[in-house]
Protein backbone atom coordinates (compact mmCIF):
# COMPACT_ATOMS: atom_id res chain seq x y z
CA MET A 1 12.08 -4.64 36.34
CA GLU A 2 11.06 -8.10 35.12
CA ILE A 3 8.01 -8.03 37.40
CA GLU A 4 6.97 -4.66 35.97
CA SER A 5 7.38 -6.01 32.43
CA ASP A 6 5.21 -9.02 33.27
CA THR A 7 2.58 -6.77 34.84
CA ARG A 8 2.53 -4.51 31.80
CA LYS A 9 1.99 -7.49 29.48
CA LEU A 10 -0.78 -8.89 31.68
CA ILE A 11 -2.57 -5.54 31.55
CA LEU A 12 -2.15 -5.17 27.78
CA ASP A 13 -3.42 -8.69 27.10
CA ALA A 14 -6.45 -8.24 29.35
CA ALA A 15 -7.24 -4.79 27.96
CA GLU A 16 -6.96 -6.00 24.37
CA ARG A 17 -9.51 -8.74 25.01
CA LEU A 18 -11.91 -6.53 26.99
CA PHE A 19 -11.74 -3.59 24.57
CA MET A 20 -12.53 -6.06 21.79
CA GLU A 21 -15.46 -7.61 23.66
CA GLN A 22 -16.95 -4.55 25.37
CA GLY A 23 -15.66 -1.58 23.39
CA TYR A 24 -13.50 1.22 24.76
CA GLU A 25 -16.23 3.24 26.45
CA ALA A 26 -17.81 0.28 28.23
CA THR A 27 -14.52 -1.07 29.59
CA SER A 28 -13.32 0.35 32.91
CA THR A 29 -9.77 0.24 34.24
CA ARG A 30 -11.10 -1.76 37.19
CA MET A 31 -12.40 -4.41 34.78
CA VAL A 32 -8.97 -4.56 33.15
CA THR A 33 -7.01 -4.85 36.39
CA THR A 34 -9.44 -7.45 37.73
CA ALA A 35 -9.03 -9.56 34.59
CA ALA A 36 -5.26 -9.13 34.68
CA LYS A 37 -5.19 -9.87 38.43
CA VAL A 38 -3.07 -6.82 39.20
CA ASN A 39 -3.38 -3.83 41.50
CA LEU A 40 -5.93 -1.18 40.49
CA ALA A 41 -3.21 1.49 40.42
CA ALA A 42 -1.15 -0.50 37.91
CA VAL A 43 -2.88 1.03 34.86
CA ASN A 44 -2.03 4.58 35.88
CA TYR A 45 1.51 3.54 36.86
CA HIS A 46 2.32 1.89 33.54
CA PHE A 47 0.10 3.84 31.10
CA GLY A 48 -0.98 7.05 32.80
CA SER A 49 -4.69 6.65 32.08
CA LYS A 50 -7.30 4.49 30.36
CA GLU A 51 -6.70 6.48 27.16
CA GLY A 52 -2.97 5.84 27.43
CA LEU A 53 -3.70 2.13 27.91
CA MET A 54 -5.81 1.98 24.76
CA GLN A 55 -3.09 3.74 22.80
CA ALA A 56 -0.51 1.26 24.08
CA VAL A 57 -2.77 -1.70 23.18
CA LEU A 58 -3.13 -0.47 19.60
CA ARG A 59 0.49 0.63 19.11
CA ARG A 60 1.79 -2.75 20.32
CA ARG A 61 0.16 -4.46 17.33
CA LEU A 62 0.12 -1.64 14.77
CA GLN A 63 3.90 -1.32 14.81
CA TYR A 64 4.27 -4.92 13.68
CA LEU A 65 1.37 -4.64 11.21
CA ASN A 66 2.76 -1.55 9.51
CA GLU A 67 6.30 -2.92 9.37
CA GLU A 68 4.95 -6.06 7.74
CA ARG A 69 2.88 -4.07 5.25
CA LEU A 70 5.93 -2.08 4.22
CA ARG A 71 8.06 -5.23 4.01
CA VAL A 72 5.55 -6.89 1.68
CA LEU A 73 5.31 -3.77 -0.50
CA ASP A 74 9.09 -3.30 -0.63
CA GLU A 75 9.54 -6.93 -1.65
CA ALA A 76 6.88 -6.73 -4.37
CA GLU A 77 8.30 -3.47 -5.79
CA ALA A 78 11.82 -4.90 -5.80
CA LYS A 79 10.63 -7.89 -7.82
CA ALA A 80 8.71 -5.60 -10.20
CA ALA A 81 11.98 -3.81 -11.03
CA GLY A 82 10.40 -0.41 -11.60
CA GLN A 83 7.19 -1.62 -13.24
CA PRO A 84 3.80 -0.87 -11.64
CA LEU A 85 2.46 -3.55 -9.34
CA LYS A 86 -0.76 -5.42 -10.03
CA PRO A 87 -3.72 -4.05 -8.04
CA SER A 88 -4.15 -7.51 -6.49
CA GLN A 89 -0.62 -7.35 -5.05
CA ILE A 90 -1.29 -3.97 -3.48
CA VAL A 91 -4.65 -4.96 -2.01
CA ASP A 92 -3.21 -8.19 -0.62
CA GLY A 93 -0.21 -6.35 0.85
CA PHE A 94 -2.37 -3.86 2.75
CA PHE A 95 -5.52 -5.78 3.64
CA GLY A 96 -4.29 -9.37 3.34
CA THR A 97 -1.45 -8.69 5.77
CA LEU A 98 -3.98 -7.57 8.37
CA LEU A 99 -6.13 -10.66 7.95
CA ARG A 100 -3.13 -12.98 8.10
CA MET A 101 -2.34 -11.57 11.54
CA ALA A 102 -5.41 -13.50 12.72
CA GLN A 103 -3.41 -16.70 12.26
CA ASP A 104 -0.55 -15.46 14.46
CA GLU A 105 -1.40 -15.42 18.16
CA ASN A 106 1.94 -13.76 18.94
CA ALA A 107 0.78 -10.79 16.84
CA GLY A 108 -2.63 -10.63 18.52
CA GLY A 109 -4.49 -13.22 16.49
CA ARG A 110 -8.24 -12.93 16.03
CA THR A 111 -8.59 -10.85 19.19
CA PHE A 112 -6.58 -7.98 17.72
CA LEU A 113 -8.22 -8.42 14.31
CA ARG A 114 -11.65 -7.87 15.85
CA LEU A 115 -10.36 -5.05 18.06
CA ILE A 116 -8.96 -3.12 15.10
CA GLY A 117 -12.22 -3.65 13.23
CA ARG A 118 -14.20 -2.33 16.17
CA SER A 119 -11.81 0.60 16.65
CA MET A 120 -12.18 1.62 13.00
CA SER A 121 -15.98 1.34 12.97
CA GLU A 122 -16.75 3.03 16.31
CA PRO A 123 -13.68 5.06 17.27
CA ALA A 124 -13.33 7.62 20.02
CA SER A 125 -11.80 10.83 18.70
CA PHE A 126 -8.36 10.07 20.13
CA ILE A 127 -8.43 6.60 18.53
CA ARG A 128 -9.20 8.13 15.16
CA THR A 129 -6.27 10.50 15.59
CA LEU A 130 -3.98 7.66 16.67
CA LEU A 131 -4.93 5.44 13.74
CA ALA A 132 -4.44 8.28 11.26
CA SER A 133 -0.99 8.99 12.71
CA GLU A 134 0.09 5.34 12.81
CA TYR A 135 -1.16 4.66 9.27
CA ALA A 136 0.08 7.88 7.63
CA ASP A 137 3.37 6.70 6.10
CA VAL A 138 2.03 3.29 5.12
CA MET A 139 -1.12 4.74 3.56
CA GLU A 140 0.94 7.16 1.49
CA ARG A 141 3.14 4.37 0.13
CA TYR A 142 0.16 2.23 -0.80
CA LYS A 143 -1.75 5.12 -2.38
CA VAL A 144 1.23 5.93 -4.59
CA ALA A 145 1.45 2.27 -5.61
CA LEU A 146 -2.26 2.28 -6.51
CA PHE A 147 -1.88 5.50 -8.52
CA ARG A 148 0.86 3.81 -10.59
CA ALA A 149 -1.10 0.57 -10.94
CA LEU A 150 -4.27 2.34 -12.14
CA PRO A 151 -3.08 5.21 -14.34
CA ASN A 152 -6.44 5.55 -16.09
CA VAL A 153 -8.36 6.06 -12.85
CA PRO A 154 -8.38 9.61 -11.41
CA GLU A 155 -6.39 9.83 -8.19
CA ALA A 156 -9.35 11.30 -6.33
CA GLU A 157 -11.43 8.27 -7.33
CA ILE A 158 -8.72 5.91 -6.09
CA VAL A 159 -8.66 7.70 -2.74
CA TRP A 160 -12.44 7.31 -2.43
CA ARG A 161 -12.29 3.64 -3.32
CA PHE A 162 -9.52 3.06 -0.81
CA HIS A 163 -11.76 4.73 1.77
CA PHE A 164 -14.61 2.36 0.87
CA MET A 165 -12.22 -0.61 1.07
CA LEU A 166 -11.18 0.40 4.58
CA GLY A 167 -14.83 0.61 5.61
CA ALA A 168 -15.71 -2.79 4.15
CA THR A 169 -12.72 -4.40 5.84
CA SER A 170 -13.41 -2.87 9.25
CA TYR A 171 -17.02 -4.09 9.10
CA ALA A 172 -16.01 -7.56 7.92
CA ILE A 173 -13.58 -8.11 10.79
CA ALA A 174 -15.53 -6.32 13.55
CA GLY A 175 -17.14 -9.53 14.81
CA THR A 176 -18.77 -12.82 14.00
CA ASP A 177 -22.25 -11.37 14.56
CA ALA A 178 -21.99 -8.91 11.68
CA LEU A 179 -23.94 -11.08 9.22
CA GLU A 180 -26.91 -11.31 11.58
CA LEU A 181 -27.24 -7.52 11.51
CA VAL A 182 -28.16 -7.47 7.84
CA ALA A 183 -31.85 -8.29 7.32
CA ASP A 184 -31.66 -11.72 8.99
CA LEU A 185 -28.87 -12.77 6.65
CA HIS A 186 -26.87 -15.53 8.28
CA SER A 187 -24.28 -18.13 7.42
CA ASN A 188 -24.47 -21.82 8.26
CA GLU A 189 -20.70 -22.09 8.19
CA ALA A 190 -18.83 -22.73 11.42
CA PRO A 191 -16.88 -19.70 12.73
CA GLU A 192 -13.52 -21.31 11.94
CA ILE A 193 -14.60 -21.91 8.32
CA GLN A 194 -15.80 -18.31 8.04
CA ALA A 195 -12.39 -17.13 9.30
CA GLU A 196 -10.55 -19.33 6.81
CA LYS A 197 -12.64 -18.06 3.88
CA LEU A 198 -12.69 -14.41 4.94
CA LEU A 199 -9.41 -13.51 3.23
CA ASP A 200 -10.39 -14.91 -0.19
CA ARG A 201 -13.92 -13.51 -0.03
CA LEU A 202 -12.81 -10.06 1.06
CA MET A 203 -9.96 -9.85 -1.46
CA SER A 204 -12.36 -10.71 -4.30
CA PHE A 205 -14.84 -8.09 -3.12
CA LEU A 206 -12.24 -5.35 -2.65
CA LEU A 207 -10.65 -5.94 -6.04
CA GLY A 208 -14.07 -5.84 -7.68
CA GLY A 209 -14.73 -2.46 -6.14
CA LEU A 210 -11.30 -1.15 -7.04
CA ARG A 211 -11.73 -2.17 -10.69
CA ALA A 212 -15.38 -1.06 -11.01
CA PRO A 213 -16.32 1.27 -13.88
CA LEU A 214 -15.95 4.94 -13.15
CA PRO A 215 -19.15 6.71 -12.04
CA VAL A 216 -21.06 8.36 -14.85
CA ALA A 217 -21.06 12.15 -14.60
CA THR A 218 -24.54 13.67 -14.31
């Protein structure tokens, strides 16, 4: 049983890295088993299929991520003693928690951060369904918190802005080459400095969008 557990972890670790580097479609089960140095049949034995493997890779990290997001929100609401939270607390709880996972290799580190960004920006249909299912309860809690924090903003507008925030975050964490895709824009900062500053830069940007004036009706 211990050998099977070790094999399963080897496969998950290899798949996580390859799915992040190559994308889901371009990664074969043979590539995964070769990288993990296990038998080709091991993927089907432990996960049933390549799709089942991808689901297991994501669920392994998303369970921790969502538990941590709820823990942070529960703690903030307990301290608020019934009063609405500040928008900055809510944004940091949802998006900041994800970015802080990059500092924890036991939780997937930067590999998982880039994988989740890639999965959100170019998902297969089953990945989209999985993410929606895994995020459902957490998203509902955070939306309700935002509704209370921004009573003068229509709920439909908050939902749209949350959607835009998800998109901006997924693009920001998808990979270190993202800046080079935008009209030759590039940064002279070292990758480790970019990673350190990403949280502060993204939080400032997201809060600015959340607090932006309402669109003018035409």
